[in-house]
Amino acid sequence: GLMLNVIRGDVHNSLAAISLALNSQDSETSHYAASVLQDELNDFRGNVQKIWREIENEEEDETDCEYYLIPYMNGMLEQKVFTDLEQQNMVRKFVETGEILFRKAPHRFTSQYYEWICLRLLDIRDFETMETWCLRAAQQFPEELSSYTCKLKLYFTAENKEKFFETLEALKQSSIVIDKETLALIRTFG
């Protein structure tokens, strides 16, 4: 019964757990997990569609829909519960939402938003678009660690050693404190 309690609990943050339950030996658990997952994904698809219709009807100075949609979509996309193709399409929609907000109201962007967009692009290995967003993050938040770590993850994954070490050097020259996760990344490549 533990699994079912997890699933009934905070569904949104436990979709990864639900995905695991799909492979459960217990057929009742796996069937239940499958239906919960499908319901969640359907709700999500429906909500994204609905909010997108609102975005299309917004005025140029309205950004509330985008501002809501970015954390909402990221919460689902970072769990990677869609098929590869749908994940890719959803990430594109997510980045397009960011693009609209960036055009309309860059001041509403947080460094967290940049990091989310970069990481979701990293998931689908769209290095080119990710680099564009990395540069925007660095421009708007030059003193944030995530502005550097996104670049480091990009160049690490794209195996671009030159730019990786260039970014690392810039990080060392800055006054930013490096966290454990970043140190681990540097050691892997270094």
N, C-alpha and C. Protein backbone atom coordinates (compact mmCIF):
# COMPACT_ATOMS: atom_id res chain seq x y z
N GLY A 1 0.80 -1.21 0.00
CA GLY A 1 0.00 0.00 0.00
C GLY A 1 0.83 1.27 0.00
N LEU A 2 2.12 1.15 0.33
CA LEU A 2 2.96 2.35 0.40
C LEU A 2 2.96 3.11 -0.91
N MET A 3 3.15 2.38 -2.02
CA MET A 3 3.23 3.00 -3.33
C MET A 3 1.97 3.79 -3.63
N LEU A 4 0.81 3.21 -3.34
CA LEU A 4 -0.44 3.89 -3.62
C LEU A 4 -0.55 5.17 -2.80
N ASN A 5 -0.03 5.15 -1.58
CA ASN A 5 -0.07 6.36 -0.77
C ASN A 5 0.79 7.45 -1.39
N VAL A 6 1.95 7.06 -1.87
CA VAL A 6 2.84 8.03 -2.53
C VAL A 6 2.10 8.64 -3.72
N ILE A 7 1.49 7.76 -4.51
CA ILE A 7 0.81 8.23 -5.71
C ILE A 7 -0.36 9.15 -5.36
N ARG A 8 -1.10 8.79 -4.32
CA ARG A 8 -2.25 9.63 -3.95
C ARG A 8 -1.80 10.94 -3.34
N GLY A 9 -0.57 10.93 -2.82
CA GLY A 9 -0.05 12.13 -2.17
C GLY A 9 0.22 13.23 -3.17
N ASP A 10 1.41 13.78 -3.11
CA ASP A 10 1.73 14.91 -3.97
C ASP A 10 2.04 14.40 -5.37
N VAL A 11 0.98 14.20 -6.14
CA VAL A 11 1.12 13.61 -7.47
C VAL A 11 2.14 14.34 -8.31
N HIS A 12 2.07 15.67 -8.27
CA HIS A 12 2.89 16.43 -9.19
C HIS A 12 4.38 16.18 -9.02
N ASN A 13 4.82 16.04 -7.76
CA ASN A 13 6.24 15.85 -7.56
C ASN A 13 6.65 14.40 -7.53
N SER A 14 5.69 13.48 -7.67
CA SER A 14 6.06 12.09 -7.57
C SER A 14 5.79 11.32 -8.86
N LEU A 15 5.72 12.04 -9.98
CA LEU A 15 5.48 11.34 -11.24
C LEU A 15 6.61 10.37 -11.55
N ALA A 16 7.82 10.73 -11.14
CA ALA A 16 8.93 9.82 -11.36
C ALA A 16 8.70 8.53 -10.57
N ALA A 17 8.19 8.68 -9.36
CA ALA A 17 7.86 7.51 -8.54
C ALA A 17 6.75 6.71 -9.20
N ILE A 18 5.80 7.41 -9.80
CA ILE A 18 4.70 6.73 -10.49
C ILE A 18 5.25 5.94 -11.67
N SER A 19 6.20 6.54 -12.38
CA SER A 19 6.81 5.84 -13.51
C SER A 19 7.45 4.54 -13.05
N LEU A 20 8.09 4.59 -11.87
CA LEU A 20 8.69 3.38 -11.32
C LEU A 20 7.61 2.35 -11.00
N ALA A 21 6.49 2.83 -10.46
CA ALA A 21 5.39 1.93 -10.08
C ALA A 21 4.80 1.22 -11.30
N LEU A 22 4.97 1.83 -12.48
CA LEU A 22 4.47 1.22 -13.70
C LEU A 22 5.13 -0.15 -13.91
N ASN A 23 6.37 -0.26 -13.42
CA ASN A 23 7.10 -1.52 -13.60
C ASN A 23 6.95 -2.46 -12.40
N SER A 24 6.02 -2.11 -11.51
CA SER A 24 5.82 -2.93 -10.32
C SER A 24 5.34 -4.33 -10.69
N GLN A 25 5.78 -5.32 -9.91
CA GLN A 25 5.35 -6.71 -10.13
C GLN A 25 3.86 -6.84 -9.80
N ASP A 26 3.41 -5.97 -8.90
CA ASP A 26 2.02 -6.00 -8.46
C ASP A 26 1.14 -5.35 -9.51
N SER A 27 0.31 -6.14 -10.19
CA SER A 27 -0.43 -5.61 -11.33
C SER A 27 -1.41 -4.51 -10.91
N GLU A 28 -1.98 -4.62 -9.72
CA GLU A 28 -2.91 -3.59 -9.27
C GLU A 28 -2.19 -2.25 -9.17
N THR A 29 -1.00 -2.28 -8.57
CA THR A 29 -0.21 -1.06 -8.43
C THR A 29 0.16 -0.49 -9.79
N SER A 30 0.61 -1.36 -10.71
CA SER A 30 1.06 -0.83 -12.00
C SER A 30 -0.10 -0.29 -12.83
N HIS A 31 -1.26 -0.93 -12.77
CA HIS A 31 -2.43 -0.41 -13.49
C HIS A 31 -2.86 0.93 -12.92
N TYR A 32 -2.88 1.00 -11.60
CA TYR A 32 -3.28 2.24 -10.94
C TYR A 32 -2.31 3.36 -11.30
N ALA A 33 -1.02 3.04 -11.25
CA ALA A 33 0.00 4.04 -11.59
C ALA A 33 -0.18 4.53 -13.02
N ALA A 34 -0.44 3.59 -13.93
CA ALA A 34 -0.59 3.96 -15.34
C ALA A 34 -1.76 4.93 -15.52
N SER A 35 -2.86 4.65 -14.84
CA SER A 35 -4.03 5.53 -15.03
C SER A 35 -3.81 6.89 -14.38
N VAL A 36 -3.14 6.90 -13.22
CA VAL A 36 -2.84 8.19 -12.56
C VAL A 36 -1.93 9.02 -13.45
N LEU A 37 -0.90 8.35 -14.00
CA LEU A 37 0.05 9.05 -14.86
C LEU A 37 -0.66 9.63 -16.08
N GLN A 38 -1.48 8.83 -16.73
CA GLN A 38 -2.21 9.30 -17.91
C GLN A 38 -3.11 10.49 -17.58
N ASP A 39 -3.81 10.40 -16.44
CA ASP A 39 -4.68 11.52 -16.03
C ASP A 39 -3.87 12.79 -15.84
N GLU A 40 -2.73 12.64 -15.17
CA GLU A 40 -1.88 13.80 -14.91
C GLU A 40 -1.38 14.41 -16.22
N LEU A 41 -0.92 13.56 -17.12
CA LEU A 41 -0.39 14.05 -18.39
C LEU A 41 -1.49 14.71 -19.21
N ASN A 42 -2.68 14.13 -19.17
CA ASN A 42 -3.79 14.73 -19.91
C ASN A 42 -4.18 16.08 -19.34
N ASP A 43 -4.22 16.18 -18.01
CA ASP A 43 -4.51 17.47 -17.37
C ASP A 43 -3.48 18.49 -17.81
N PHE A 44 -2.24 18.07 -17.78
CA PHE A 44 -1.14 18.96 -18.13
C PHE A 44 -1.26 19.45 -19.57
N ARG A 45 -1.48 18.50 -20.49
CA ARG A 45 -1.64 18.88 -21.91
C ARG A 45 -2.78 19.87 -22.07
N GLY A 46 -3.89 19.58 -21.41
CA GLY A 46 -5.07 20.45 -21.51
C GLY A 46 -4.79 21.84 -20.98
N ASN A 47 -4.14 21.90 -19.83
CA ASN A 47 -3.82 23.20 -19.23
C ASN A 47 -2.88 24.01 -20.09
N VAL A 48 -1.86 23.35 -20.63
CA VAL A 48 -0.89 24.05 -21.48
C VAL A 48 -1.61 24.63 -22.69
N GLN A 49 -2.48 23.83 -23.28
CA GLN A 49 -3.23 24.30 -24.46
C GLN A 49 -4.10 25.51 -24.13
N LYS A 50 -4.78 25.41 -23.01
CA LYS A 50 -5.69 26.47 -22.57
C LYS A 50 -4.92 27.78 -22.33
N ILE A 51 -3.80 27.66 -21.61
CA ILE A 51 -3.02 28.86 -21.29
C ILE A 51 -2.40 29.44 -22.56
N TRP A 52 -2.03 28.56 -23.50
CA TRP A 52 -1.48 29.06 -24.75
C TRP A 52 -2.50 29.86 -25.54
N ARG A 53 -3.75 29.42 -25.50
CA ARG A 53 -4.80 30.19 -26.18
C ARG A 53 -4.90 31.59 -25.56
N GLU A 54 -4.74 31.64 -24.23
CA GLU A 54 -4.79 32.94 -23.56
C GLU A 54 -3.59 33.80 -23.95
N ILE A 55 -2.43 33.17 -24.06
CA ILE A 55 -1.22 33.90 -24.45
C ILE A 55 -1.42 34.53 -25.83
N GLU A 56 -2.03 33.77 -26.71
CA GLU A 56 -2.24 34.28 -28.08
C GLU A 56 -3.20 35.46 -28.10
N ASN A 57 -4.04 35.57 -27.09
CA ASN A 57 -4.99 36.69 -27.03
C ASN A 57 -4.56 37.82 -26.11
N GLU A 58 -3.38 37.68 -25.52
CA GLU A 58 -2.89 38.71 -24.61
C GLU A 58 -2.49 39.98 -25.35
N GLU A 59 -2.51 41.08 -24.64
CA GLU A 59 -1.96 42.33 -25.17
C GLU A 59 -0.44 42.28 -25.03
N GLU A 60 0.23 43.20 -25.72
CA GLU A 60 1.70 43.23 -25.68
C GLU A 60 2.27 43.45 -24.28
N ASP A 61 1.47 44.11 -23.41
CA ASP A 61 2.02 44.40 -22.08
C ASP A 61 1.54 43.41 -21.02
N GLU A 62 0.85 42.35 -21.46
CA GLU A 62 0.38 41.34 -20.52
C GLU A 62 1.30 40.12 -20.53
N THR A 63 1.75 39.72 -19.34
CA THR A 63 2.68 38.58 -19.29
C THR A 63 2.34 37.58 -18.18
N ASP A 64 1.16 37.73 -17.57
CA ASP A 64 0.83 36.84 -16.45
C ASP A 64 0.77 35.37 -16.85
N CYS A 65 0.25 35.09 -18.03
CA CYS A 65 0.14 33.69 -18.48
C CYS A 65 1.53 33.06 -18.64
N GLU A 66 2.43 33.79 -19.26
CA GLU A 66 3.79 33.27 -19.43
C GLU A 66 4.45 33.05 -18.07
N TYR A 67 4.24 34.02 -17.20
CA TYR A 67 4.86 34.00 -15.88
C TYR A 67 4.38 32.80 -15.07
N TYR A 68 3.14 32.41 -15.31
CA TYR A 68 2.58 31.24 -14.63
C TYR A 68 3.04 29.94 -15.30
N LEU A 69 3.07 29.97 -16.63
CA LEU A 69 3.32 28.75 -17.41
C LEU A 69 4.75 28.23 -17.26
N ILE A 70 5.70 29.11 -17.13
CA ILE A 70 7.10 28.67 -17.08
C ILE A 70 7.37 27.72 -15.90
N PRO A 71 7.07 28.12 -14.65
CA PRO A 71 7.30 27.16 -13.57
C PRO A 71 6.39 25.93 -13.66
N TYR A 72 5.17 26.14 -14.14
CA TYR A 72 4.22 25.02 -14.26
C TYR A 72 4.76 23.96 -15.23
N MET A 73 5.19 24.39 -16.41
CA MET A 73 5.69 23.44 -17.40
C MET A 73 7.00 22.81 -16.95
N ASN A 74 7.86 23.62 -16.35
CA ASN A 74 9.15 23.07 -15.92
C ASN A 74 8.97 21.94 -14.90
N GLY A 75 8.01 22.14 -13.99
CA GLY A 75 7.76 21.14 -12.96
C GLY A 75 7.45 19.77 -13.55
N MET A 76 6.75 19.78 -14.68
CA MET A 76 6.40 18.52 -15.34
C MET A 76 7.56 18.03 -16.21
N LEU A 77 8.13 18.94 -16.99
CA LEU A 77 9.16 18.54 -17.97
C LEU A 77 10.43 18.01 -17.31
N GLU A 78 10.77 18.53 -16.13
CA GLU A 78 12.02 18.09 -15.51
C GLU A 78 11.91 16.64 -15.03
N GLN A 79 10.67 16.12 -14.96
CA GLN A 79 10.50 14.74 -14.51
C GLN A 79 10.63 13.74 -15.66
N LYS A 80 10.69 14.25 -16.89
CA LYS A 80 10.90 13.41 -18.08
C LYS A 80 9.97 12.19 -18.13
N VAL A 81 8.67 12.45 -18.04
CA VAL A 81 7.71 11.35 -18.08
C VAL A 81 7.02 11.21 -19.44
N PHE A 82 7.34 12.08 -20.37
CA PHE A 82 6.76 11.96 -21.72
C PHE A 82 7.64 11.08 -22.60
N THR A 83 7.09 10.64 -23.72
CA THR A 83 7.94 9.97 -24.71
C THR A 83 8.93 11.01 -25.24
N ASP A 84 10.01 10.57 -25.82
CA ASP A 84 11.05 11.49 -26.30
C ASP A 84 10.48 12.56 -27.22
N LEU A 85 9.64 12.12 -28.15
CA LEU A 85 9.09 13.07 -29.12
C LEU A 85 8.22 14.12 -28.45
N GLU A 86 7.35 13.67 -27.55
CA GLU A 86 6.47 14.64 -26.89
C GLU A 86 7.27 15.54 -25.95
N GLN A 87 8.26 14.97 -25.28
CA GLN A 87 9.12 15.76 -24.40
C GLN A 87 9.75 16.89 -25.22
N GLN A 88 10.24 16.52 -26.39
CA GLN A 88 10.89 17.49 -27.26
C GLN A 88 9.92 18.60 -27.68
N ASN A 89 8.72 18.22 -28.08
CA ASN A 89 7.72 19.20 -28.50
C ASN A 89 7.30 20.09 -27.34
N MET A 90 7.15 19.49 -26.16
CA MET A 90 6.76 20.26 -24.97
C MET A 90 7.87 21.23 -24.56
N VAL A 91 9.12 20.78 -24.68
CA VAL A 91 10.25 21.66 -24.34
C VAL A 91 10.25 22.85 -25.31
N ARG A 92 9.97 22.58 -26.59
CA ARG A 92 9.93 23.68 -27.57
C ARG A 92 8.86 24.71 -27.19
N LYS A 93 7.71 24.21 -26.77
CA LYS A 93 6.60 25.08 -26.36
C LYS A 93 7.02 25.89 -25.12
N PHE A 94 7.69 25.21 -24.22
CA PHE A 94 8.19 25.81 -22.98
C PHE A 94 9.17 26.94 -23.30
N VAL A 95 10.10 26.67 -24.21
CA VAL A 95 11.11 27.67 -24.59
C VAL A 95 10.45 28.82 -25.33
N GLU A 96 9.45 28.50 -26.13
CA GLU A 96 8.72 29.55 -26.86
C GLU A 96 8.02 30.48 -25.86
N THR A 97 7.48 29.90 -24.79
CA THR A 97 6.86 30.69 -23.74
C THR A 97 7.89 31.64 -23.14
N GLY A 98 9.09 31.11 -22.88
CA GLY A 98 10.18 31.93 -22.36
C GLY A 98 10.54 33.04 -23.32
N GLU A 99 10.55 32.70 -24.60
CA GLU A 99 10.89 33.65 -25.67
C GLU A 99 9.91 34.83 -25.66
N ILE A 100 8.63 34.54 -25.50
CA ILE A 100 7.62 35.59 -25.49
C ILE A 100 7.79 36.48 -24.25
N LEU A 101 8.02 35.85 -23.11
CA LEU A 101 8.22 36.63 -21.88
C LEU A 101 9.48 37.48 -22.00
N PHE A 102 10.52 36.90 -22.58
CA PHE A 102 11.79 37.61 -22.74
C PHE A 102 11.62 38.84 -23.63
N ARG A 103 10.79 38.68 -24.66
CA ARG A 103 10.54 39.80 -25.58
C ARG A 103 9.69 40.89 -24.91
N LYS A 104 8.66 40.46 -24.22
CA LYS A 104 7.72 41.41 -23.63
C LYS A 104 8.24 42.06 -22.35
N ALA A 105 8.84 41.24 -21.48
CA ALA A 105 9.18 41.76 -20.15
C ALA A 105 10.41 41.05 -19.57
N PRO A 106 11.58 41.32 -20.15
CA PRO A 106 12.78 40.64 -19.65
C PRO A 106 13.01 40.86 -18.16
N HIS A 107 12.51 41.99 -17.64
CA HIS A 107 12.70 42.26 -16.21
C HIS A 107 11.94 41.28 -15.32
N ARG A 108 10.97 40.56 -15.89
CA ARG A 108 10.23 39.56 -15.10
C ARG A 108 10.99 38.24 -15.04
N PHE A 109 12.07 38.15 -15.81
CA PHE A 109 12.88 36.93 -15.81
C PHE A 109 13.69 36.84 -14.53
N THR A 110 13.74 35.64 -13.96
CA THR A 110 14.62 35.40 -12.81
C THR A 110 15.76 34.52 -13.31
N SER A 111 16.83 34.43 -12.55
CA SER A 111 17.93 33.57 -12.99
C SER A 111 17.46 32.11 -12.97
N GLN A 112 16.49 31.81 -12.09
CA GLN A 112 15.91 30.47 -12.03
C GLN A 112 15.23 30.11 -13.36
N TYR A 113 14.52 31.08 -13.95
CA TYR A 113 13.86 30.83 -15.24
C TYR A 113 14.89 30.48 -16.31
N TYR A 114 15.98 31.26 -16.34
CA TYR A 114 17.02 30.98 -17.32
C TYR A 114 17.58 29.58 -17.12
N GLU A 115 17.81 29.24 -15.86
CA GLU A 115 18.39 27.92 -15.58
C GLU A 115 17.44 26.81 -16.03
N TRP A 116 16.16 26.96 -15.72
CA TRP A 116 15.19 25.95 -16.14
C TRP A 116 15.18 25.78 -17.65
N ILE A 117 15.13 26.89 -18.37
CA ILE A 117 15.09 26.82 -19.84
C ILE A 117 16.35 26.14 -20.37
N CYS A 118 17.49 26.53 -19.83
CA CYS A 118 18.76 25.93 -20.26
C CYS A 118 18.78 24.42 -20.00
N LEU A 119 18.36 24.02 -18.82
CA LEU A 119 18.41 22.59 -18.47
C LEU A 119 17.44 21.75 -19.29
N ARG A 120 16.27 22.30 -19.58
CA ARG A 120 15.32 21.54 -20.40
C ARG A 120 15.85 21.42 -21.84
N LEU A 121 16.54 22.45 -22.33
CA LEU A 121 17.15 22.37 -23.66
C LEU A 121 18.31 21.37 -23.64
N LEU A 122 19.00 21.30 -22.52
CA LEU A 122 20.08 20.33 -22.37
C LEU A 122 19.51 18.91 -22.44
N ASP A 123 18.35 18.70 -21.79
CA ASP A 123 17.69 17.39 -21.82
C ASP A 123 17.47 16.90 -23.24
N ILE A 124 17.08 17.81 -24.13
CA ILE A 124 16.81 17.39 -25.52
C ILE A 124 18.01 17.65 -26.43
N ARG A 125 19.12 18.01 -25.82
CA ARG A 125 20.38 18.22 -26.53
C ARG A 125 20.31 19.26 -27.65
N ASP A 126 19.55 20.32 -27.40
CA ASP A 126 19.52 21.43 -28.36
C ASP A 126 20.56 22.45 -27.88
N PHE A 127 21.81 22.18 -28.23
CA PHE A 127 22.93 22.98 -27.71
C PHE A 127 22.92 24.41 -28.24
N GLU A 128 22.49 24.55 -29.48
CA GLU A 128 22.53 25.87 -30.11
C GLU A 128 21.58 26.84 -29.41
N THR A 129 20.33 26.41 -29.24
CA THR A 129 19.35 27.27 -28.56
C THR A 129 19.76 27.48 -27.11
N MET A 130 20.30 26.44 -26.51
CA MET A 130 20.72 26.54 -25.12
C MET A 130 21.80 27.61 -24.96
N GLU A 131 22.71 27.67 -25.91
CA GLU A 131 23.78 28.66 -25.82
C GLU A 131 23.22 30.08 -25.85
N THR A 132 22.24 30.30 -26.71
CA THR A 132 21.58 31.60 -26.77
C THR A 132 21.04 32.00 -25.39
N TRP A 133 20.39 31.05 -24.73
CA TRP A 133 19.81 31.32 -23.41
C TRP A 133 20.89 31.48 -22.34
N CYS A 134 21.97 30.74 -22.47
CA CYS A 134 23.10 30.88 -21.54
C CYS A 134 23.66 32.31 -21.60
N LEU A 135 23.78 32.82 -22.81
CA LEU A 135 24.34 34.16 -22.99
C LEU A 135 23.39 35.22 -22.43
N ARG A 136 22.10 35.00 -22.60
CA ARG A 136 21.12 35.94 -22.04
C ARG A 136 21.20 35.94 -20.52
N ALA A 137 21.33 34.75 -19.95
CA ALA A 137 21.42 34.62 -18.49
C ALA A 137 22.65 35.36 -17.98
N ALA A 138 23.77 35.16 -18.67
CA ALA A 138 25.03 35.78 -18.26
C ALA A 138 24.95 37.30 -18.35
N GLN A 139 24.22 37.76 -19.34
CA GLN A 139 24.08 39.20 -19.53
C GLN A 139 23.23 39.83 -18.43
N GLN A 140 22.12 39.16 -18.11
CA GLN A 140 21.20 39.73 -17.13
C GLN A 140 21.61 39.43 -15.68
N PHE A 141 22.25 38.28 -15.47
CA PHE A 141 22.64 37.87 -14.12
C PHE A 141 24.10 37.45 -14.06
N PRO A 142 25.02 38.41 -14.32
CA PRO A 142 26.44 38.07 -14.39
C PRO A 142 27.01 37.57 -13.06
N GLU A 143 26.33 37.88 -11.96
CA GLU A 143 26.86 37.48 -10.65
C GLU A 143 26.19 36.24 -10.06
N GLU A 144 25.39 35.54 -10.88
CA GLU A 144 24.71 34.34 -10.40
C GLU A 144 25.50 33.10 -10.78
N LEU A 145 25.66 32.18 -9.85
CA LEU A 145 26.37 30.93 -10.14
C LEU A 145 25.72 30.18 -11.30
N SER A 146 24.37 30.15 -11.32
CA SER A 146 23.69 29.37 -12.36
C SER A 146 24.00 29.87 -13.77
N SER A 147 24.34 31.16 -13.90
CA SER A 147 24.71 31.68 -15.22
C SER A 147 25.98 30.99 -15.72
N TYR A 148 26.83 30.59 -14.80
CA TYR A 148 28.04 29.87 -15.16
C TYR A 148 27.81 28.36 -15.28
N THR A 149 27.05 27.81 -14.32
CA THR A 149 26.89 26.35 -14.34
C THR A 149 26.12 25.88 -15.57
N CYS A 150 25.18 26.69 -16.05
CA CYS A 150 24.46 26.31 -17.27
C CYS A 150 25.44 26.21 -18.44
N LYS A 151 26.33 27.18 -18.54
CA LYS A 151 27.34 27.15 -19.60
C LYS A 151 28.27 25.96 -19.43
N LEU A 152 28.68 25.70 -18.20
CA LEU A 152 29.58 24.56 -17.94
C LEU A 152 28.91 23.25 -18.35
N LYS A 153 27.62 23.10 -18.01
CA LYS A 153 26.90 21.87 -18.37
C LYS A 153 26.75 21.76 -19.89
N LEU A 154 26.51 22.90 -20.52
CA LEU A 154 26.39 22.91 -21.98
C LEU A 154 27.68 22.44 -22.64
N TYR A 155 28.79 23.10 -22.27
CA TYR A 155 30.05 22.79 -22.94
C TYR A 155 30.58 21.41 -22.54
N PHE A 156 30.24 20.98 -21.33
CA PHE A 156 30.61 19.64 -20.89
C PHE A 156 29.91 18.61 -21.76
N THR A 157 28.59 18.77 -21.91
CA THR A 157 27.79 17.80 -22.65
C THR A 157 28.10 17.84 -24.14
N ALA A 158 28.35 19.04 -24.66
CA ALA A 158 28.68 19.19 -26.08
C ALA A 158 30.16 18.87 -26.35
N GLU A 159 30.88 18.54 -25.28
CA GLU A 159 32.30 18.20 -25.35
C GLU A 159 33.13 19.32 -25.99
N ASN A 160 32.80 20.54 -25.60
CA ASN A 160 33.56 21.69 -26.09
C ASN A 160 34.51 22.12 -24.97
N LYS A 161 35.69 21.48 -24.95
CA LYS A 161 36.63 21.70 -23.84
C LYS A 161 37.11 23.15 -23.77
N GLU A 162 37.37 23.70 -24.92
CA GLU A 162 37.91 25.06 -24.95
C GLU A 162 36.96 26.03 -24.24
N LYS A 163 35.68 26.01 -24.64
CA LYS A 163 34.72 26.93 -24.03
C LYS A 163 34.43 26.55 -22.58
N PHE A 164 34.53 25.26 -22.27
CA PHE A 164 34.33 24.82 -20.89
C PHE A 164 35.36 25.49 -19.98
N PHE A 165 36.63 25.39 -20.39
CA PHE A 165 37.69 25.94 -19.54
C PHE A 165 37.70 27.47 -19.53
N GLU A 166 37.29 28.06 -20.65
CA GLU A 166 37.12 29.52 -20.72
C GLU A 166 36.09 29.98 -19.68
N THR A 167 34.96 29.25 -19.63
CA THR A 167 33.89 29.58 -18.68
C THR A 167 34.37 29.36 -17.25
N LEU A 168 35.10 28.28 -17.06
CA LEU A 168 35.62 27.95 -15.74
C LEU A 168 36.56 29.04 -15.24
N GLU A 169 37.41 29.50 -16.15
CA GLU A 169 38.37 30.56 -15.81
C GLU A 169 37.62 31.83 -15.39
N ALA A 170 36.59 32.17 -16.16
CA ALA A 170 35.78 33.35 -15.84
C ALA A 170 35.10 33.20 -14.48
N LEU A 171 34.65 31.99 -14.18
CA LEU A 171 34.01 31.73 -12.89
C LEU A 171 35.02 31.92 -11.76
N LYS A 172 36.24 31.43 -11.97
CA LYS A 172 37.27 31.57 -10.94
C LYS A 172 37.66 33.03 -10.72
N GLN A 173 37.61 33.81 -11.78
CA GLN A 173 37.95 35.24 -11.68
C GLN A 173 36.85 36.03 -10.97
N SER A 174 35.63 35.47 -10.96
CA SER A 174 34.51 36.19 -10.34
C SER A 174 34.55 36.01 -8.83
N SER A 175 33.62 36.69 -8.15
CA SER A 175 33.58 36.59 -6.69
C SER A 175 32.56 35.55 -6.24
N ILE A 176 32.08 34.75 -7.20
CA ILE A 176 31.01 33.79 -6.91
C ILE A 176 31.56 32.57 -6.18
N VAL A 177 30.83 32.15 -5.17
CA VAL A 177 31.23 30.94 -4.43
C VAL A 177 30.76 29.71 -5.19
N ILE A 178 31.68 28.77 -5.42
CA ILE A 178 31.35 27.57 -6.18
C ILE A 178 30.78 26.50 -5.23
N ASP A 179 29.66 25.90 -5.62
CA ASP A 179 29.04 24.87 -4.77
C ASP A 179 29.58 23.47 -5.09
N LYS A 180 29.18 22.52 -4.27
CA LYS A 180 29.67 21.14 -4.40
C LYS A 180 29.39 20.53 -5.77
N GLU A 181 28.14 20.75 -6.23
CA GLU A 181 27.72 20.16 -7.50
C GLU A 181 28.61 20.65 -8.64
N THR A 182 28.94 21.96 -8.61
CA THR A 182 29.77 22.55 -9.65
C THR A 182 31.19 22.01 -9.58
N LEU A 183 31.70 21.86 -8.36
CA LEU A 183 33.03 21.28 -8.18
C LEU A 183 33.11 19.88 -8.75
N ALA A 184 32.06 19.10 -8.52
CA ALA A 184 32.01 17.74 -9.04
C ALA A 184 32.06 17.73 -10.55
N LEU A 185 31.32 18.66 -11.16
CA LEU A 185 31.27 18.77 -12.62
C LEU A 185 32.66 19.11 -13.16
N ILE A 186 33.32 20.06 -12.49
CA ILE A 186 34.64 20.50 -12.92
C ILE A 186 35.64 19.34 -12.84
N ARG A 187 35.55 18.57 -11.76
CA ARG A 187 36.46 17.43 -11.58
C ARG A 187 36.26 16.38 -12.67
N THR A 188 35.01 16.17 -13.07
CA THR A 188 34.73 15.17 -14.09
C THR A 188 35.42 15.52 -15.41
N PHE A 189 35.44 16.82 -15.71
CA PHE A 189 35.98 17.25 -17.00
C PHE A 189 37.44 17.59 -16.92
N GLY A 190 37.86 18.02 -15.74
CA GLY A 190 39.17 18.61 -15.57
C GLY A 190 40.36 17.71 -15.77
